Amino acid sequence: MPREGAALRAELLRVIAQSGAAVPDDVQDDASLIRSGLLDSTALFELAVWIEERITPGLDLTTFDLAEEWDTLRKLMLFVERYPREQ
């Protein structure tokens, strides 16, 4: 994994942990987070806030299927990388 990808992964795991979600340290990038129940509504809210702070012009939760596009760390990283970082 490139350094940027590793940093983004670590940052996502930090945000998830701060929300109180109990995601295992060794979670695989393709492991289900939402459908498995690892992420609850609080964790998803915290992720939405964090992602919105990074994306320009903002995040419209009605424009995508959150349960599909955010269900794994890999999908979360791809989602965030699709948008320019807010300056």
PDB file of N, CA and C in Angstrom:
ATOM      1  N   MET A   1       0.850  -1.170   0.000  1.00  0.00           N
ATOM      2  CA  MET A   1       0.000   0.000   0.000  1.00  0.00           C
ATOM      3  C   MET A   1       0.900   1.239   0.000  1.00  0.00           C
ATOM      4  N   PRO A   2       0.647   2.193  -0.906  1.00  0.00           N
ATOM      5  CA  PRO A   2       1.436   3.428  -0.926  1.00  0.00           C
ATOM      6  C   PRO A   2       1.317   4.174   0.403  1.00  0.00           C
ATOM      7  N   ARG A   3       2.320   4.981   0.686  1.00  0.00           N
ATOM      8  CA  ARG A   3       2.349   5.728   1.951  1.00  0.00           C
ATOM      9  C   ARG A   3       1.069   6.540   2.165  1.00  0.00           C
ATOM     10  N   GLU A   4       0.559   7.198   1.103  1.00  0.00           N
ATOM     11  CA  GLU A   4      -0.659   7.999   1.227  1.00  0.00           C
ATOM     12  C   GLU A   4      -1.838   7.125   1.605  1.00  0.00           C
ATOM     13  N   GLY A   5      -1.906   5.934   1.000  1.00  0.00           N
ATOM     14  CA  GLY A   5      -2.991   5.007   1.307  1.00  0.00           C
ATOM     15  C   GLY A   5      -2.919   4.521   2.741  1.00  0.00           C
ATOM     16  N   ALA A   6      -1.722   4.250   3.213  1.00  0.00           N
ATOM     17  CA  ALA A   6      -1.539   3.799   4.591  1.00  0.00           C
ATOM     18  C   ALA A   6      -1.922   4.904   5.569  1.00  0.00           C
ATOM     19  N   ALA A   7      -1.572   6.137   5.245  1.00  0.00           N
ATOM     20  CA  ALA A   7      -1.918   7.267   6.114  1.00  0.00           C
ATOM     21  C   ALA A   7      -3.423   7.478   6.147  1.00  0.00           C
ATOM     22  N   LEU A   8      -4.078   7.378   4.988  1.00  0.00           N
ATOM     23  CA  LEU A   8      -5.527   7.539   4.933  1.00  0.00           C
ATOM     24  C   LEU A   8      -6.209   6.415   5.706  1.00  0.00           C
ATOM     25  N   ARG A   9      -5.716   5.193   5.546  1.00  0.00           N
ATOM     26  CA  ARG A   9      -6.280   4.050   6.271  1.00  0.00           C
ATOM     27  C   ARG A   9      -6.167   4.278   7.773  1.00  0.00           C
ATOM     28  N   ALA A  10      -5.008   4.708   8.235  1.00  0.00           N
ATOM     29  CA  ALA A  10      -4.791   4.962   9.660  1.00  0.00           C
ATOM     30  C   ALA A  10      -5.707   6.070  10.165  1.00  0.00           C
ATOM     31  N   GLU A  11      -5.887   7.097   9.348  1.00  0.00           N
ATOM     32  CA  GLU A  11      -6.757   8.206   9.747  1.00  0.00           C
ATOM     33  C   GLU A  11      -8.210   7.752   9.837  1.00  0.00           C
ATOM     34  N   LEU A  12      -8.652   6.943   8.870  1.00  0.00           N
ATOM     35  CA  LEU A  12     -10.018   6.399   8.925  1.00  0.00           C
ATOM     36  C   LEU A  12     -10.213   5.542  10.168  1.00  0.00           C
ATOM     37  N   LEU A  13      -9.257   4.693  10.470  1.00  0.00           N
ATOM     38  CA  LEU A  13      -9.368   3.853  11.664  1.00  0.00           C
ATOM     39  C   LEU A  13      -9.383   4.693  12.937  1.00  0.00           C
ATOM     40  N   ARG A  14      -8.628   5.792  12.948  1.00  0.00           N
ATOM     41  CA  ARG A  14      -8.633   6.695  14.102  1.00  0.00           C
ATOM     42  C   ARG A  14     -10.011   7.319  14.297  1.00  0.00           C
ATOM     43  N   VAL A  15     -10.616   7.797  13.206  1.00  0.00           N
ATOM     44  CA  VAL A  15     -11.949   8.413  13.278  1.00  0.00           C
ATOM     45  C   VAL A  15     -12.971   7.387  13.765  1.00  0.00           C
ATOM     46  N   ILE A  16     -12.884   6.183  13.223  1.00  0.00           N
ATOM     47  CA  ILE A  16     -13.810   5.121  13.620  1.00  0.00           C
ATOM     48  C   ILE A  16     -13.637   4.792  15.105  1.00  0.00           C
ATOM     49  N   ALA A  17     -12.401   4.676  15.556  1.00  0.00           N
ATOM     50  CA  ALA A  17     -12.140   4.360  16.961  1.00  0.00           C
ATOM     51  C   ALA A  17     -12.646   5.465  17.883  1.00  0.00           C
ATOM     52  N   GLN A  18     -12.480   6.714  17.475  1.00  0.00           N
ATOM     53  CA  GLN A  18     -12.944   7.839  18.289  1.00  0.00           C
ATOM     54  C   GLN A  18     -14.461   7.846  18.438  1.00  0.00           C
ATOM     55  N   SER A  19     -15.153   7.224  17.483  1.00  0.00           N
ATOM     56  CA  SER A  19     -16.615   7.169  17.559  1.00  0.00           C
ATOM     57  C   SER A  19     -17.075   6.117  18.561  1.00  0.00           C
ATOM     58  N   GLY A  20     -16.152   5.285  19.028  1.00  0.00           N
ATOM     59  CA  GLY A  20     -16.494   4.241  19.976  1.00  0.00           C
ATOM     60  C   GLY A  20     -16.731   2.881  19.344  1.00  0.00           C
ATOM     61  N   ALA A  21     -16.640   2.797  18.015  1.00  0.00           N
ATOM     62  CA  ALA A  21     -16.828   1.515  17.341  1.00  0.00           C
ATOM     63  C   ALA A  21     -15.656   0.587  17.652  1.00  0.00           C
ATOM     64  N   ALA A  22     -15.969  -0.675  17.851  1.00  0.00           N
ATOM     65  CA  ALA A  22     -14.952  -1.668  18.193  1.00  0.00           C
ATOM     66  C   ALA A  22     -14.520  -2.426  16.945  1.00  0.00           C
ATOM     67  N   VAL A  23     -13.680  -1.797  16.145  1.00  0.00           N
ATOM     68  CA  VAL A  23     -13.150  -2.435  14.942  1.00  0.00           C
ATOM     69  C   VAL A  23     -11.820  -3.080  15.312  1.00  0.00           C
ATOM     70  N   PRO A  24     -11.645  -4.361  15.002  1.00  0.00           N
ATOM     71  CA  PRO A  24     -10.392  -5.040  15.355  1.00  0.00           C
ATOM     72  C   PRO A  24      -9.176  -4.378  14.704  1.00  0.00           C
ATOM     73  N   ASP A  25      -8.057  -4.404  15.399  1.00  0.00           N
ATOM     74  CA  ASP A  25      -6.819  -3.818  14.879  1.00  0.00           C
ATOM     75  C   ASP A  25      -6.393  -4.453  13.569  1.00  0.00           C
ATOM     76  N   ASP A  26      -6.690  -5.738  13.405  1.00  0.00           N
ATOM     77  CA  ASP A  26      -6.266  -6.456  12.209  1.00  0.00           C
ATOM     78  C   ASP A  26      -7.358  -6.557  11.143  1.00  0.00           C
ATOM     79  N   VAL A  27      -8.310  -5.631  11.167  1.00  0.00           N
ATOM     80  CA  VAL A  27      -9.401  -5.664  10.183  1.00  0.00           C
ATOM     81  C   VAL A  27      -8.823  -5.576   8.769  1.00  0.00           C
ATOM     82  N   GLN A  28      -9.318  -6.418   7.909  1.00  0.00           N
ATOM     83  CA  GLN A  28      -8.874  -6.434   6.514  1.00  0.00           C
ATOM     84  C   GLN A  28      -9.554  -5.303   5.742  1.00  0.00           C
ATOM     85  N   ASP A  29      -8.894  -4.812   4.707  1.00  0.00           N
ATOM     86  CA  ASP A  29      -9.433  -3.697   3.929  1.00  0.00           C
ATOM     87  C   ASP A  29     -10.752  -4.031   3.243  1.00  0.00           C
ATOM     88  N   ASP A  30     -11.009  -5.312   2.990  1.00  0.00           N
ATOM     89  CA  ASP A  30     -12.246  -5.711   2.321  1.00  0.00           C
ATOM     90  C   ASP A  30     -13.288  -6.294   3.274  1.00  0.00           C
ATOM     91  N   ALA A  31     -13.042  -6.215   4.573  1.00  0.00           N
ATOM     92  CA  ALA A  31     -14.009  -6.724   5.547  1.00  0.00           C
ATOM     93  C   ALA A  31     -15.183  -5.750   5.658  1.00  0.00           C
ATOM     94  N   SER A  32     -16.383  -6.295   5.737  1.00  0.00           N
ATOM     95  CA  SER A  32     -17.581  -5.472   5.870  1.00  0.00           C
ATOM     96  C   SER A  32     -17.566  -4.736   7.205  1.00  0.00           C
ATOM     97  N   LEU A  33     -17.851  -3.455   7.154  1.00  0.00           N
ATOM     98  CA  LEU A  33     -17.920  -2.647   8.363  1.00  0.00           C
ATOM     99  C   LEU A  33     -19.365  -2.323   8.734  1.00  0.00           C
ATOM    100  N   ILE A  34     -20.183  -2.046   7.730  1.00  0.00           N
ATOM    101  CA  ILE A  34     -21.572  -1.646   7.974  1.00  0.00           C
ATOM    102  C   ILE A  34     -22.475  -2.871   8.062  1.00  0.00           C
ATOM    103  N   ARG A  35     -22.455  -3.688   7.033  1.00  0.00           N
ATOM    104  CA  ARG A  35     -23.347  -4.855   7.003  1.00  0.00           C
ATOM    105  C   ARG A  35     -23.047  -5.838   8.140  1.00  0.00           C
ATOM    106  N   SER A  36     -21.792  -5.865   8.590  1.00  0.00           N
ATOM    107  CA  SER A  36     -21.415  -6.759   9.688  1.00  0.00           C
ATOM    108  C   SER A  36     -21.827  -6.200  11.043  1.00  0.00           C
ATOM    109  N   GLY A  37     -22.149  -4.915  11.084  1.00  0.00           N
ATOM    110  CA  GLY A  37     -22.522  -4.285  12.339  1.00  0.00           C
ATOM    111  C   GLY A  37     -21.357  -3.689  13.111  1.00  0.00           C
ATOM    112  N   LEU A  38     -20.149  -3.734  12.536  1.00  0.00           N
ATOM    113  CA  LEU A  38     -18.999  -3.140  13.222  1.00  0.00           C
ATOM    114  C   LEU A  38     -19.153  -1.629  13.376  1.00  0.00           C
ATOM    115  N   LEU A  39     -19.769  -0.982  12.378  1.00  0.00           N
ATOM    116  CA  LEU A  39     -20.014   0.460  12.465  1.00  0.00           C
ATOM    117  C   LEU A  39     -21.480   0.697  12.798  1.00  0.00           C
ATOM    118  N   ASP A  40     -21.710   1.496  13.818  1.00  0.00           N
ATOM    119  CA  ASP A  40     -23.071   1.857  14.172  1.00  0.00           C
ATOM    120  C   ASP A  40     -23.373   3.261  13.643  1.00  0.00           C
ATOM    121  N   SER A  41     -24.548   3.775  13.959  1.00  0.00           N
ATOM    122  CA  SER A  41     -24.944   5.084  13.424  1.00  0.00           C
ATOM    123  C   SER A  41     -24.030   6.205  13.912  1.00  0.00           C
ATOM    124  N   THR A  42     -23.524   6.100  15.136  1.00  0.00           N
ATOM    125  CA  THR A  42     -22.605   7.117  15.649  1.00  0.00           C
ATOM    126  C   THR A  42     -21.308   7.122  14.841  1.00  0.00           C
ATOM    127  N   ALA A  43     -20.777   5.954  14.565  1.00  0.00           N
ATOM    128  CA  ALA A  43     -19.544   5.849  13.782  1.00  0.00           C
ATOM    129  C   ALA A  43     -19.769   6.387  12.376  1.00  0.00           C
ATOM    130  N   LEU A  44     -20.910   6.077  11.773  1.00  0.00           N
ATOM    131  CA  LEU A  44     -21.203   6.576  10.424  1.00  0.00           C
ATOM    132  C   LEU A  44     -21.345   8.091  10.427  1.00  0.00           C
ATOM    133  N   PHE A  45     -21.966   8.641  11.470  1.00  0.00           N
ATOM    134  CA  PHE A  45     -22.088  10.091  11.574  1.00  0.00           C
ATOM    135  C   PHE A  45     -20.708  10.737  11.677  1.00  0.00           C
ATOM    136  N   GLU A  46     -19.846  10.188  12.528  1.00  0.00           N
ATOM    137  CA  GLU A  46     -18.490  10.720  12.681  1.00  0.00           C
ATOM    138  C   GLU A  46     -17.714  10.634  11.368  1.00  0.00           C
ATOM    139  N   LEU A  47     -17.865   9.524  10.651  1.00  0.00           N
ATOM    140  CA  LEU A  47     -17.211   9.396   9.345  1.00  0.00           C
ATOM    141  C   LEU A  47     -17.734  10.441   8.374  1.00  0.00           C
ATOM    142  N   ALA A  48     -19.054  10.644   8.357  1.00  0.00           N
ATOM    143  CA  ALA A  48     -19.647  11.624   7.449  1.00  0.00           C
ATOM    144  C   ALA A  48     -19.104  13.022   7.724  1.00  0.00           C
ATOM    145  N   VAL A  49     -19.012  13.389   8.996  1.00  0.00           N
ATOM    146  CA  VAL A  49     -18.477  14.706   9.366  1.00  0.00           C
ATOM    147  C   VAL A  49     -17.021  14.822   8.928  1.00  0.00           C
ATOM    148  N   TRP A  50     -16.220  13.799   9.218  1.00  0.00           N
ATOM    149  CA  TRP A  50     -14.803  13.825   8.860  1.00  0.00           C
ATOM    150  C   TRP A  50     -14.625  13.901   7.348  1.00  0.00           C
ATOM    151  N   ILE A  51     -15.370  13.088   6.616  1.00  0.00           N
ATOM    152  CA  ILE A  51     -15.251  13.088   5.160  1.00  0.00           C
ATOM    153  C   ILE A  51     -15.711  14.418   4.581  1.00  0.00           C
ATOM    154  N   GLU A  52     -16.803  14.963   5.106  1.00  0.00           N
ATOM    155  CA  GLU A  52     -17.292  16.250   4.609  1.00  0.00           C
ATOM    156  C   GLU A  52     -16.262  17.357   4.819  1.00  0.00           C
ATOM    157  N   GLU A  53     -15.519  17.303   5.903  1.00  0.00           N
ATOM    158  CA  GLU A  53     -14.480  18.298   6.164  1.00  0.00           C
ATOM    159  C   GLU A  53     -13.350  18.206   5.145  1.00  0.00           C
ATOM    160  N   ARG A  54     -13.172  17.051   4.514  1.00  0.00           N
ATOM    161  CA  ARG A  54     -12.096  16.826   3.551  1.00  0.00           C
ATOM    162  C   ARG A  54     -12.508  17.090   2.110  1.00  0.00           C
ATOM    163  N   ILE A  55     -13.807  17.093   1.839  1.00  0.00           N
ATOM    164  CA  ILE A  55     -14.294  17.140   0.458  1.00  0.00           C
ATOM    165  C   ILE A  55     -14.844  18.520   0.112  1.00  0.00           C
ATOM    166  N   THR A  56     -14.499  18.995  -1.071  1.00  0.00           N
ATOM    167  CA  THR A  56     -15.032  20.241  -1.605  1.00  0.00           C
ATOM    168  C   THR A  56     -15.989  19.885  -2.726  1.00  0.00           C
ATOM    169  N   PRO A  57     -17.166  20.400  -2.809  1.00  0.00           N
ATOM    170  CA  PRO A  57     -17.770  21.463  -2.014  1.00  0.00           C
ATOM    171  C   PRO A  57     -18.528  20.972  -0.790  1.00  0.00           C
ATOM    172  N   GLY A  58     -18.549  19.709  -0.510  1.00  0.00           N
ATOM    173  CA  GLY A  58     -19.278  19.161   0.637  1.00  0.00           C
ATOM    174  C   GLY A  58     -19.813  17.793   0.290  1.00  0.00           C
ATOM    175  N   LEU A  59     -20.469  17.204   1.226  1.00  0.00           N
ATOM    176  CA  LEU A  59     -20.946  15.842   1.056  1.00  0.00           C
ATOM    177  C   LEU A  59     -22.464  15.810   1.097  1.00  0.00           C
ATOM    178  N   ASP A  60     -23.072  15.338   0.020  1.00  0.00           N
ATOM    179  CA  ASP A  60     -24.516  15.178  -0.044  1.00  0.00           C
ATOM    180  C   ASP A  60     -24.802  13.685   0.085  1.00  0.00           C
ATOM    181  N   LEU A  61     -25.263  13.272   1.252  1.00  0.00           N
ATOM    182  CA  LEU A  61     -25.490  11.852   1.521  1.00  0.00           C
ATOM    183  C   LEU A  61     -26.573  11.231   0.651  1.00  0.00           C
ATOM    184  N   THR A  62     -27.336  12.055  -0.044  1.00  0.00           N
ATOM    185  CA  THR A  62     -28.406  11.520  -0.897  1.00  0.00           C
ATOM    186  C   THR A  62     -27.917  11.147  -2.287  1.00  0.00           C
ATOM    187  N   THR A  63     -26.654  11.429  -2.602  1.00  0.00           N
ATOM    188  CA  THR A  63     -26.161  11.194  -3.964  1.00  0.00           C
ATOM    189  C   THR A  63     -25.471   9.845  -4.146  1.00  0.00           C
ATOM    190  N   PHE A  64     -25.404   9.041  -3.091  1.00  0.00           N
ATOM    191  CA  PHE A  64     -24.752   7.734  -3.206  1.00  0.00           C
ATOM    192  C   PHE A  64     -25.336   6.780  -2.177  1.00  0.00           C
ATOM    193  N   ASP A  65     -25.049   5.507  -2.353  1.00  0.00           N
ATOM    194  CA  ASP A  65     -25.493   4.464  -1.427  1.00  0.00           C
ATOM    195  C   ASP A  65     -24.420   4.278  -0.359  1.00  0.00           C
ATOM    196  N   LEU A  66     -24.607   4.919   0.769  1.00  0.00           N
ATOM    197  CA  LEU A  66     -23.629   4.911   1.846  1.00  0.00           C
ATOM    198  C   LEU A  66     -23.305   3.483   2.301  1.00  0.00           C
ATOM    199  N   ALA A  67     -24.310   2.633   2.426  1.00  0.00           N
ATOM    200  CA  ALA A  67     -24.084   1.257   2.881  1.00  0.00           C
ATOM    201  C   ALA A  67     -23.219   0.475   1.905  1.00  0.00           C
ATOM    202  N   GLU A  68     -23.256   0.845   0.641  1.00  0.00           N
ATOM    203  CA  GLU A  68     -22.428   0.170  -0.365  1.00  0.00           C
ATOM    204  C   GLU A  68     -21.042   0.810  -0.460  1.00  0.00           C
ATOM    205  N   GLU A  69     -20.995   2.126  -0.586  1.00  0.00           N
ATOM    206  CA  GLU A  69     -19.728   2.807  -0.843  1.00  0.00           C
ATOM    207  C   GLU A  69     -18.837   2.964   0.390  1.00  0.00           C
ATOM    208  N   TRP A  70     -19.381   2.790   1.582  1.00  0.00           N
ATOM    209  CA  TRP A  70     -18.590   2.926   2.796  1.00  0.00           C
ATOM    210  C   TRP A  70     -18.505   1.621   3.581  1.00  0.00           C
ATOM    211  N   ASP A  71     -18.832   0.490   2.981  1.00  0.00           N
ATOM    212  CA  ASP A  71     -18.921  -0.752   3.740  1.00  0.00           C
ATOM    213  C   ASP A  71     -17.573  -1.364   4.100  1.00  0.00           C
ATOM    214  N   THR A  72     -16.504  -0.985   3.425  1.00  0.00           N
ATOM    215  CA  THR A  72     -15.181  -1.528   3.747  1.00  0.00           C
ATOM    216  C   THR A  72     -14.167  -0.385   3.802  1.00  0.00           C
ATOM    217  N   LEU A  73     -13.044  -0.645   4.419  1.00  0.00           N
ATOM    218  CA  LEU A  73     -11.984   0.372   4.441  1.00  0.00           C
ATOM    219  C   LEU A  73     -11.536   0.707   3.019  1.00  0.00           C
ATOM    220  N   ARG A  74     -11.414  -0.308   2.174  1.00  0.00           N
ATOM    221  CA  ARG A  74     -10.998  -0.072   0.784  1.00  0.00           C
ATOM    222  C   ARG A  74     -11.982   0.864   0.077  1.00  0.00           C
ATOM    223  N   LYS A  75     -13.271   0.610   0.240  1.00  0.00           N
ATOM    224  CA  LYS A  75     -14.287   1.454  -0.403  1.00  0.00           C
ATOM    225  C   LYS A  75     -14.279   2.869   0.175  1.00  0.00           C
ATOM    226  N   LEU A  76     -14.083   2.977   1.484  1.00  0.00           N
ATOM    227  CA  LEU A  76     -13.983   4.302   2.101  1.00  0.00           C
ATOM    228  C   LEU A  76     -12.798   5.082   1.547  1.00  0.00           C
ATOM    229  N   MET A  77     -11.656   4.407   1.433  1.00  0.00           N
ATOM    230  CA  MET A  77     -10.466   5.075   0.909  1.00  0.00           C
ATOM    231  C   MET A  77     -10.680   5.519  -0.536  1.00  0.00           C
ATOM    232  N   LEU A  78     -11.283   4.668  -1.349  1.00  0.00           N
ATOM    233  CA  LEU A  78     -11.561   5.035  -2.748  1.00  0.00           C
ATOM    234  C   LEU A  78     -12.524   6.207  -2.816  1.00  0.00           C
ATOM    235  N   PHE A  79     -13.528   6.209  -1.953  1.00  0.00           N
ATOM    236  CA  PHE A  79     -14.497   7.298  -1.922  1.00  0.00           C
ATOM    237  C   PHE A  79     -13.806   8.625  -1.617  1.00  0.00           C
ATOM    238  N   VAL A  80     -12.991   8.638  -0.569  1.00  0.00           N
ATOM    239  CA  VAL A  80     -12.294   9.871  -0.159  1.00  0.00           C
ATOM    240  C   VAL A  80     -11.319  10.326  -1.242  1.00  0.00           C
ATOM    241  N   GLU A  81     -10.625   9.378  -1.866  1.00  0.00           N
ATOM    242  CA  GLU A  81      -9.629   9.729  -2.881  1.00  0.00           C
ATOM    243  C   GLU A  81     -10.247  10.256  -4.172  1.00  0.00           C
ATOM    244  N   ARG A  82     -11.535  10.024  -4.380  1.00  0.00           N
ATOM    245  CA  ARG A  82     -12.210  10.529  -5.589  1.00  0.00           C
ATOM    246  C   ARG A  82     -12.399  12.038  -5.587  1.00  0.00           C
ATOM    247  N   TYR A  83     -12.319  12.633  -4.432  1.00  0.00           N
ATOM    248  CA  TYR A  83     -12.599  14.056  -4.297  1.00  0.00           C
ATOM    249  C   TYR A  83     -11.337  14.803  -3.901  1.00  0.00           C
ATOM    250  N   PRO A  84     -11.220  16.061  -4.342  1.00  0.00           N
ATOM    251  CA  PRO A  84     -10.061  16.857  -3.929  1.00  0.00           C
ATOM    252  C   PRO A  84     -10.131  17.165  -2.440  1.00  0.00           C
ATOM    253  N   ARG A  85      -8.979  17.221  -1.797  1.00  0.00           N
ATOM    254  CA  ARG A  85      -8.928  17.553  -0.376  1.00  0.00           C
ATOM    255  C   ARG A  85      -9.193  19.037  -0.207  1.00  0.00           C
ATOM    256  N   GLU A  86     -10.040  19.360   0.756  1.00  0.00           N
ATOM    257  CA  GLU A  86     -10.366  20.759   1.045  1.00  0.00           C
ATOM    258  C   GLU A  86      -9.124  21.463   1.571  1.00  0.00           C
ATOM    259  N   GLN A  87      -8.876  22.651   1.091  1.00  0.00           N
ATOM    260  CA  GLN A  87      -7.695  23.421   1.529  1.00  0.00           C
ATOM    261  C   GLN A  87      -8.047  24.384   2.622  1.00  0.00           C
TER     262      GLN A  87
END
